[in-house]
Amino acid sequence: MRFRRFRIIFVLLAMSAVLLLATAEPAHGGGGPGQAQSGSGTGMEGVITIAPTQGGPIRADTPSSSPLPNATFVVKDDKGAVASEFTTDEQGRFQTSLAPGRYTVFLKGKTGGLGRYGPFDVDVVAGRVTKVQLECDSGIR
């Protein structure tokens, strides 16, 4: 009886581990169109934040900015052609492969209203992944 209980627990733990591995999201830099693997070639990676996070005076006990999750940004080259699109993860991180050059980054579909979500100018150097931290303005005051 004791051996059977041990075997059932072991099988359940093994199945749980397999399920967790199968459903886990890829680590930062995971694949997808326009997204590079960490350490590969030339491109851009970083974090996009938004501030202020709330209206009124900034309080010492609350952060003034937070990551901008699940936001899709467009990257245009110096000729105005779309070079890439990427979507930030839950922590506002992103990574995209790009050829060397000067690029403009802005929120996809933003045509007006409150807030400033770009344009941000970024220079990408050959053989390097340019690290950036872009801060959007929520427009909240």
N, C-alpha and C. Protein backbone atom coordinates (compact mmCIF):
# COMPACT_ATOMS: atom_id res chain seq x y z
N MET A 1 0.83 -1.19 0.00
CA MET A 1 0.00 0.00 0.00
C MET A 1 0.88 1.26 0.00
N ARG A 2 1.92 1.27 0.83
CA ARG A 2 2.80 2.41 0.93
C ARG A 2 3.55 2.63 -0.38
N PHE A 3 4.03 1.56 -1.03
CA PHE A 3 4.74 1.66 -2.30
C PHE A 3 3.82 2.20 -3.38
N ARG A 4 2.59 1.75 -3.40
CA ARG A 4 1.63 2.21 -4.40
C ARG A 4 1.36 3.71 -4.23
N ARG A 5 1.20 4.18 -3.02
CA ARG A 5 0.97 5.60 -2.75
C ARG A 5 2.19 6.42 -3.22
N PHE A 6 3.39 5.91 -2.94
CA PHE A 6 4.62 6.58 -3.38
C PHE A 6 4.66 6.69 -4.90
N ARG A 7 4.30 5.59 -5.58
CA ARG A 7 4.32 5.58 -7.03
C ARG A 7 3.29 6.56 -7.60
N ILE A 8 2.12 6.65 -7.03
CA ILE A 8 1.09 7.59 -7.49
C ILE A 8 1.58 9.03 -7.31
N ILE A 9 2.16 9.31 -6.16
CA ILE A 9 2.68 10.67 -5.91
C ILE A 9 3.80 10.99 -6.90
N PHE A 10 4.68 10.04 -7.14
CA PHE A 10 5.78 10.25 -8.08
C PHE A 10 5.25 10.53 -9.49
N VAL A 11 4.27 9.76 -9.94
CA VAL A 11 3.69 9.96 -11.27
C VAL A 11 3.02 11.33 -11.36
N LEU A 12 2.30 11.72 -10.32
CA LEU A 12 1.65 13.03 -10.33
C LEU A 12 2.68 14.16 -10.38
N LEU A 13 3.75 14.04 -9.63
CA LEU A 13 4.80 15.06 -9.65
C LEU A 13 5.47 15.14 -11.03
N ALA A 14 5.74 13.98 -11.62
CA ALA A 14 6.36 13.96 -12.94
C ALA A 14 5.45 14.58 -13.98
N MET A 15 4.15 14.27 -13.91
CA MET A 15 3.20 14.86 -14.86
C MET A 15 3.11 16.37 -14.66
N SER A 16 3.13 16.83 -13.43
CA SER A 16 3.10 18.27 -13.15
C SER A 16 4.32 18.96 -13.72
N ALA A 17 5.49 18.35 -13.56
CA ALA A 17 6.72 18.94 -14.09
C ALA A 17 6.67 19.05 -15.62
N VAL A 18 6.20 18.00 -16.27
CA VAL A 18 6.09 18.01 -17.74
C VAL A 18 5.10 19.08 -18.17
N LEU A 19 3.98 19.19 -17.50
CA LEU A 19 2.98 20.20 -17.83
C LEU A 19 3.54 21.61 -17.65
N LEU A 20 4.26 21.85 -16.58
CA LEU A 20 4.86 23.16 -16.35
C LEU A 20 5.86 23.51 -17.44
N LEU A 21 6.70 22.56 -17.83
CA LEU A 21 7.67 22.81 -18.89
C LEU A 21 7.00 23.06 -20.23
N ALA A 22 5.93 22.36 -20.49
CA ALA A 22 5.24 22.49 -21.78
C ALA A 22 4.51 23.81 -21.91
N THR A 23 4.02 24.36 -20.80
CA THR A 23 3.24 25.60 -20.86
C THR A 23 4.04 26.83 -20.50
N ALA A 24 5.28 26.66 -20.09
CA ALA A 24 6.10 27.82 -19.70
C ALA A 24 6.36 28.70 -20.91
N GLU A 25 6.30 30.03 -20.71
CA GLU A 25 6.62 30.96 -21.78
C GLU A 25 8.12 30.98 -21.97
N PRO A 26 8.57 31.27 -23.20
CA PRO A 26 10.01 31.35 -23.42
C PRO A 26 10.60 32.47 -22.59
N ALA A 27 11.85 32.33 -22.25
CA ALA A 27 12.55 33.36 -21.48
C ALA A 27 12.62 34.63 -22.31
N HIS A 28 12.97 35.75 -21.65
CA HIS A 28 13.13 37.03 -22.33
C HIS A 28 13.96 36.84 -23.58
N GLY A 29 13.49 37.40 -24.68
CA GLY A 29 14.20 37.22 -25.94
C GLY A 29 13.65 36.06 -26.73
N GLY A 30 12.50 35.53 -26.31
CA GLY A 30 11.90 34.42 -27.02
C GLY A 30 11.56 34.78 -28.45
N GLY A 31 11.30 33.77 -29.23
CA GLY A 31 11.13 33.94 -30.66
C GLY A 31 9.90 34.72 -31.06
N GLY A 32 9.62 34.64 -32.33
CA GLY A 32 8.51 35.37 -32.90
C GLY A 32 9.05 36.30 -33.96
N PRO A 33 8.21 36.71 -34.89
CA PRO A 33 8.66 37.58 -35.95
C PRO A 33 9.24 38.87 -35.38
N GLY A 34 10.40 39.25 -35.87
CA GLY A 34 11.02 40.50 -35.44
C GLY A 34 11.69 40.42 -34.09
N GLN A 35 11.75 39.26 -33.48
CA GLN A 35 12.37 39.17 -32.17
C GLN A 35 13.61 38.29 -32.25
N ALA A 36 14.70 38.79 -31.64
CA ALA A 36 15.98 38.09 -31.70
C ALA A 36 16.19 37.25 -30.45
N GLN A 37 17.03 36.25 -30.59
CA GLN A 37 17.47 35.50 -29.42
C GLN A 37 18.55 36.31 -28.73
N SER A 38 18.62 36.23 -27.41
CA SER A 38 19.60 36.98 -26.65
C SER A 38 21.02 36.68 -27.14
N GLY A 39 21.80 37.73 -27.32
CA GLY A 39 23.18 37.57 -27.71
C GLY A 39 23.39 37.39 -29.20
N SER A 40 22.35 37.50 -30.01
CA SER A 40 22.52 37.27 -31.44
C SER A 40 22.64 38.57 -32.20
N GLY A 41 23.61 38.67 -33.07
CA GLY A 41 23.74 39.69 -34.09
C GLY A 41 23.52 41.12 -33.70
N THR A 42 22.69 41.76 -34.48
CA THR A 42 22.48 43.20 -34.39
C THR A 42 21.01 43.46 -34.13
N GLY A 43 20.72 44.40 -33.25
CA GLY A 43 19.33 44.73 -32.97
C GLY A 43 19.20 45.67 -31.80
N MET A 44 18.04 45.59 -31.16
CA MET A 44 17.72 46.48 -30.06
C MET A 44 16.95 45.69 -29.01
N GLU A 45 17.25 45.96 -27.74
CA GLU A 45 16.49 45.36 -26.65
C GLU A 45 16.42 46.35 -25.52
N GLY A 46 15.44 46.15 -24.65
CA GLY A 46 15.33 47.05 -23.52
C GLY A 46 14.01 46.92 -22.80
N VAL A 47 13.67 48.01 -22.12
CA VAL A 47 12.46 48.09 -21.31
C VAL A 47 11.74 49.38 -21.67
N ILE A 48 10.42 49.28 -21.76
CA ILE A 48 9.61 50.46 -21.97
C ILE A 48 8.75 50.65 -20.73
N THR A 49 8.84 51.85 -20.16
CA THR A 49 8.07 52.17 -18.97
C THR A 49 7.11 53.31 -19.29
N ILE A 50 6.17 53.53 -18.37
CA ILE A 50 5.22 54.62 -18.52
C ILE A 50 5.12 55.37 -17.20
N ALA A 51 5.04 56.70 -17.28
CA ALA A 51 4.96 57.54 -16.10
C ALA A 51 4.19 58.81 -16.45
N PRO A 52 3.58 59.46 -15.54
CA PRO A 52 3.33 58.97 -14.18
C PRO A 52 2.27 57.88 -14.17
N THR A 53 2.28 57.11 -13.10
CA THR A 53 1.34 55.99 -12.99
C THR A 53 0.02 56.41 -12.37
N GLN A 54 -0.01 57.58 -11.76
CA GLN A 54 -1.25 58.07 -11.15
C GLN A 54 -1.24 59.59 -11.15
N GLY A 55 -2.42 60.17 -11.11
CA GLY A 55 -2.53 61.62 -11.09
C GLY A 55 -2.20 62.19 -9.73
N GLY A 56 -1.98 63.50 -9.71
CA GLY A 56 -1.70 64.18 -8.46
C GLY A 56 -0.24 64.16 -8.10
N PRO A 57 0.06 64.60 -6.89
CA PRO A 57 1.47 64.66 -6.48
C PRO A 57 2.10 63.27 -6.38
N ILE A 58 3.38 63.21 -6.67
CA ILE A 58 4.12 61.96 -6.56
C ILE A 58 4.40 61.69 -5.09
N ARG A 59 4.07 60.48 -4.65
CA ARG A 59 4.30 60.11 -3.25
C ARG A 59 5.59 59.31 -3.14
N ALA A 60 6.29 59.50 -2.05
CA ALA A 60 7.58 58.84 -1.83
C ALA A 60 7.44 57.32 -1.75
N ASP A 61 6.28 56.83 -1.30
CA ASP A 61 6.10 55.39 -1.11
C ASP A 61 5.54 54.67 -2.34
N THR A 62 5.34 55.38 -3.45
CA THR A 62 4.83 54.75 -4.67
C THR A 62 5.77 55.03 -5.85
N PRO A 63 5.97 54.02 -6.69
CA PRO A 63 6.83 54.25 -7.85
C PRO A 63 6.20 55.26 -8.80
N SER A 64 7.04 56.08 -9.41
CA SER A 64 6.51 57.09 -10.33
C SER A 64 6.33 56.54 -11.73
N SER A 65 6.95 55.38 -12.03
CA SER A 65 6.77 54.76 -13.34
C SER A 65 6.58 53.26 -13.16
N SER A 66 6.06 52.63 -14.23
CA SER A 66 5.89 51.18 -14.20
C SER A 66 6.13 50.64 -15.60
N PRO A 67 6.41 49.34 -15.72
CA PRO A 67 6.60 48.74 -17.05
C PRO A 67 5.33 48.89 -17.88
N LEU A 68 5.50 49.02 -19.20
CA LEU A 68 4.36 49.08 -20.11
C LEU A 68 4.19 47.69 -20.73
N PRO A 69 3.25 46.89 -20.20
CA PRO A 69 3.11 45.51 -20.67
C PRO A 69 2.26 45.38 -21.92
N ASN A 70 2.56 44.37 -22.73
CA ASN A 70 1.72 43.95 -23.86
C ASN A 70 1.37 45.09 -24.82
N ALA A 71 2.34 45.96 -25.07
CA ALA A 71 2.13 47.07 -26.00
C ALA A 71 2.93 46.80 -27.27
N THR A 72 2.30 47.00 -28.42
CA THR A 72 2.97 46.76 -29.69
C THR A 72 3.53 48.07 -30.24
N PHE A 73 4.82 48.04 -30.57
CA PHE A 73 5.51 49.20 -31.11
C PHE A 73 5.98 48.91 -32.53
N VAL A 74 6.06 49.96 -33.33
CA VAL A 74 6.54 49.89 -34.70
C VAL A 74 7.92 50.52 -34.75
N VAL A 75 8.81 49.93 -35.53
CA VAL A 75 10.16 50.47 -35.74
C VAL A 75 10.27 50.82 -37.22
N LYS A 76 10.51 52.11 -37.49
CA LYS A 76 10.70 52.55 -38.88
C LYS A 76 12.14 52.95 -39.09
N ASP A 77 12.64 52.69 -40.31
CA ASP A 77 14.02 53.08 -40.63
C ASP A 77 14.06 54.55 -41.05
N ASP A 78 15.25 55.04 -41.41
CA ASP A 78 15.41 56.45 -41.73
C ASP A 78 14.69 56.86 -43.02
N LYS A 79 14.22 55.89 -43.81
CA LYS A 79 13.45 56.18 -45.02
C LYS A 79 11.94 56.13 -44.75
N GLY A 80 11.56 55.77 -43.54
CA GLY A 80 10.15 55.71 -43.16
C GLY A 80 9.50 54.36 -43.39
N ALA A 81 10.27 53.38 -43.84
CA ALA A 81 9.73 52.04 -44.05
C ALA A 81 9.71 51.26 -42.74
N VAL A 82 8.68 50.44 -42.54
CA VAL A 82 8.61 49.63 -41.32
C VAL A 82 9.70 48.57 -41.37
N ALA A 83 10.57 48.60 -40.36
CA ALA A 83 11.67 47.65 -40.27
C ALA A 83 11.32 46.49 -39.35
N SER A 84 10.44 46.74 -38.38
CA SER A 84 10.11 45.71 -37.40
C SER A 84 8.91 46.14 -36.59
N GLU A 85 8.29 45.19 -35.94
CA GLU A 85 7.28 45.42 -34.90
C GLU A 85 7.62 44.49 -33.76
N PHE A 86 7.33 44.93 -32.55
CA PHE A 86 7.54 44.07 -31.39
C PHE A 86 6.48 44.38 -30.35
N THR A 87 6.24 43.43 -29.47
CA THR A 87 5.31 43.61 -28.37
C THR A 87 6.06 43.39 -27.07
N THR A 88 5.87 44.31 -26.14
CA THR A 88 6.53 44.19 -24.84
C THR A 88 5.91 43.02 -24.05
N ASP A 89 6.72 42.45 -23.15
CA ASP A 89 6.20 41.37 -22.30
C ASP A 89 5.56 41.98 -21.06
N GLU A 90 5.22 41.16 -20.08
CA GLU A 90 4.56 41.64 -18.86
C GLU A 90 5.40 42.63 -18.05
N GLN A 91 6.73 42.59 -18.23
CA GLN A 91 7.62 43.50 -17.51
C GLN A 91 8.08 44.65 -18.41
N GLY A 92 7.42 44.84 -19.55
CA GLY A 92 7.76 45.93 -20.45
C GLY A 92 9.02 45.69 -21.28
N ARG A 93 9.57 44.47 -21.23
CA ARG A 93 10.80 44.15 -21.96
C ARG A 93 10.49 43.77 -23.40
N PHE A 94 11.48 43.98 -24.26
CA PHE A 94 11.36 43.60 -25.66
C PHE A 94 12.74 43.34 -26.23
N GLN A 95 12.75 42.73 -27.40
CA GLN A 95 13.99 42.50 -28.14
C GLN A 95 13.61 42.30 -29.60
N THR A 96 14.37 42.93 -30.51
CA THR A 96 14.09 42.80 -31.93
C THR A 96 15.38 42.86 -32.74
N SER A 97 15.46 42.08 -33.80
CA SER A 97 16.61 42.08 -34.70
C SER A 97 16.45 43.22 -35.69
N LEU A 98 17.53 43.95 -35.91
CA LEU A 98 17.52 45.06 -36.86
C LEU A 98 18.88 45.15 -37.53
N ALA A 99 18.90 45.61 -38.76
CA ALA A 99 20.16 45.91 -39.43
C ALA A 99 20.72 47.19 -38.83
N PRO A 100 22.01 47.44 -38.95
CA PRO A 100 22.58 48.69 -38.44
C PRO A 100 21.88 49.89 -39.09
N GLY A 101 21.67 50.94 -38.31
CA GLY A 101 21.05 52.15 -38.85
C GLY A 101 20.36 52.95 -37.78
N ARG A 102 19.70 54.02 -38.22
CA ARG A 102 18.95 54.91 -37.33
C ARG A 102 17.47 54.57 -37.48
N TYR A 103 16.79 54.42 -36.35
CA TYR A 103 15.40 54.02 -36.34
C TYR A 103 14.55 54.93 -35.46
N THR A 104 13.25 54.93 -35.76
CA THR A 104 12.26 55.63 -34.95
C THR A 104 11.28 54.60 -34.43
N VAL A 105 11.02 54.64 -33.12
CA VAL A 105 10.15 53.67 -32.45
C VAL A 105 8.93 54.41 -31.90
N PHE A 106 7.73 53.86 -32.15
CA PHE A 106 6.52 54.49 -31.63
C PHE A 106 5.43 53.44 -31.45
N LEU A 107 4.44 53.76 -30.61
CA LEU A 107 3.34 52.85 -30.31
C LEU A 107 2.48 52.65 -31.55
N LYS A 108 2.20 51.42 -31.88
CA LYS A 108 1.37 51.09 -33.05
C LYS A 108 -0.06 51.55 -32.83
N GLY A 109 -0.61 52.24 -33.83
CA GLY A 109 -2.01 52.64 -33.78
C GLY A 109 -2.30 53.90 -32.99
N LYS A 110 -1.32 54.52 -32.38
CA LYS A 110 -1.54 55.74 -31.59
C LYS A 110 -1.66 56.92 -32.54
N THR A 111 -2.83 57.56 -32.56
CA THR A 111 -3.05 58.68 -33.47
C THR A 111 -3.40 59.98 -32.76
N GLY A 112 -3.62 59.94 -31.50
CA GLY A 112 -3.97 61.16 -30.77
C GLY A 112 -4.35 60.83 -29.35
N GLY A 113 -4.91 61.80 -28.68
CA GLY A 113 -5.34 61.60 -27.30
C GLY A 113 -4.21 61.85 -26.32
N LEU A 114 -4.47 61.47 -25.10
CA LEU A 114 -3.49 61.68 -24.02
C LEU A 114 -2.28 60.78 -24.19
N GLY A 115 -1.17 61.25 -23.70
CA GLY A 115 0.02 60.44 -23.63
C GLY A 115 0.95 60.61 -24.81
N ARG A 116 2.22 60.29 -24.54
CA ARG A 116 3.26 60.32 -25.56
C ARG A 116 3.96 58.98 -25.53
N TYR A 117 3.87 58.23 -26.61
CA TYR A 117 4.42 56.88 -26.71
C TYR A 117 5.43 56.82 -27.85
N GLY A 118 6.25 57.84 -27.95
CA GLY A 118 7.23 57.97 -29.02
C GLY A 118 6.91 59.23 -29.78
N PRO A 119 7.63 59.54 -30.79
CA PRO A 119 8.69 58.75 -31.38
C PRO A 119 9.98 58.81 -30.54
N PHE A 120 10.69 57.69 -30.52
CA PHE A 120 11.98 57.58 -29.88
C PHE A 120 13.00 57.26 -30.97
N ASP A 121 14.09 57.99 -31.01
CA ASP A 121 15.15 57.72 -31.99
C ASP A 121 16.18 56.80 -31.38
N VAL A 122 16.58 55.77 -32.14
CA VAL A 122 17.55 54.79 -31.67
C VAL A 122 18.55 54.50 -32.79
N ASP A 123 19.85 54.53 -32.45
CA ASP A 123 20.90 54.15 -33.39
C ASP A 123 21.35 52.73 -33.09
N VAL A 124 21.31 51.87 -34.09
CA VAL A 124 21.72 50.48 -33.95
C VAL A 124 23.07 50.31 -34.66
N VAL A 125 24.04 49.77 -33.93
CA VAL A 125 25.40 49.60 -34.43
C VAL A 125 25.60 48.15 -34.86
N ALA A 126 26.35 47.96 -35.93
CA ALA A 126 26.61 46.62 -36.47
C ALA A 126 27.25 45.72 -35.42
N GLY A 127 26.76 44.48 -35.33
CA GLY A 127 27.35 43.48 -34.45
C GLY A 127 27.01 43.66 -32.98
N ARG A 128 26.10 44.56 -32.67
CA ARG A 128 25.73 44.82 -31.27
C ARG A 128 24.23 44.84 -31.11
N VAL A 129 23.80 44.50 -29.92
CA VAL A 129 22.41 44.68 -29.55
C VAL A 129 22.37 45.96 -28.71
N THR A 130 21.75 47.00 -29.27
CA THR A 130 21.67 48.29 -28.60
C THR A 130 20.66 48.18 -27.46
N LYS A 131 21.09 48.53 -26.25
CA LYS A 131 20.22 48.47 -25.08
C LYS A 131 19.61 49.85 -24.85
N VAL A 132 18.28 49.88 -24.69
CA VAL A 132 17.58 51.14 -24.50
C VAL A 132 16.59 51.03 -23.35
N GLN A 133 16.29 52.17 -22.77
CA GLN A 133 15.21 52.27 -21.81
C GLN A 133 14.37 53.46 -22.26
N LEU A 134 13.17 53.16 -22.74
CA LEU A 134 12.29 54.18 -23.29
C LEU A 134 11.18 54.45 -22.30
N GLU A 135 10.92 55.74 -22.02
CA GLU A 135 9.87 56.10 -21.07
C GLU A 135 8.77 56.86 -21.77
N CYS A 136 7.58 56.28 -21.73
CA CYS A 136 6.40 56.92 -22.31
C CYS A 136 5.75 57.81 -21.26
N ASP A 137 5.05 58.82 -21.74
CA ASP A 137 4.34 59.75 -20.86
C ASP A 137 2.86 59.40 -20.92
N SER A 138 2.28 59.04 -19.80
CA SER A 138 0.87 58.63 -19.75
C SER A 138 -0.07 59.79 -19.98
N GLY A 139 0.37 61.01 -19.77
CA GLY A 139 -0.49 62.17 -19.91
C GLY A 139 -1.32 62.45 -18.67
N ILE A 140 -1.19 61.63 -17.64
CA ILE A 140 -1.93 61.82 -16.39
C ILE A 140 -1.22 62.91 -15.59
N ARG A 141 -1.97 63.84 -15.10
CA ARG A 141 -1.37 64.90 -14.26
C ARG A 141 -2.21 65.12 -13.03
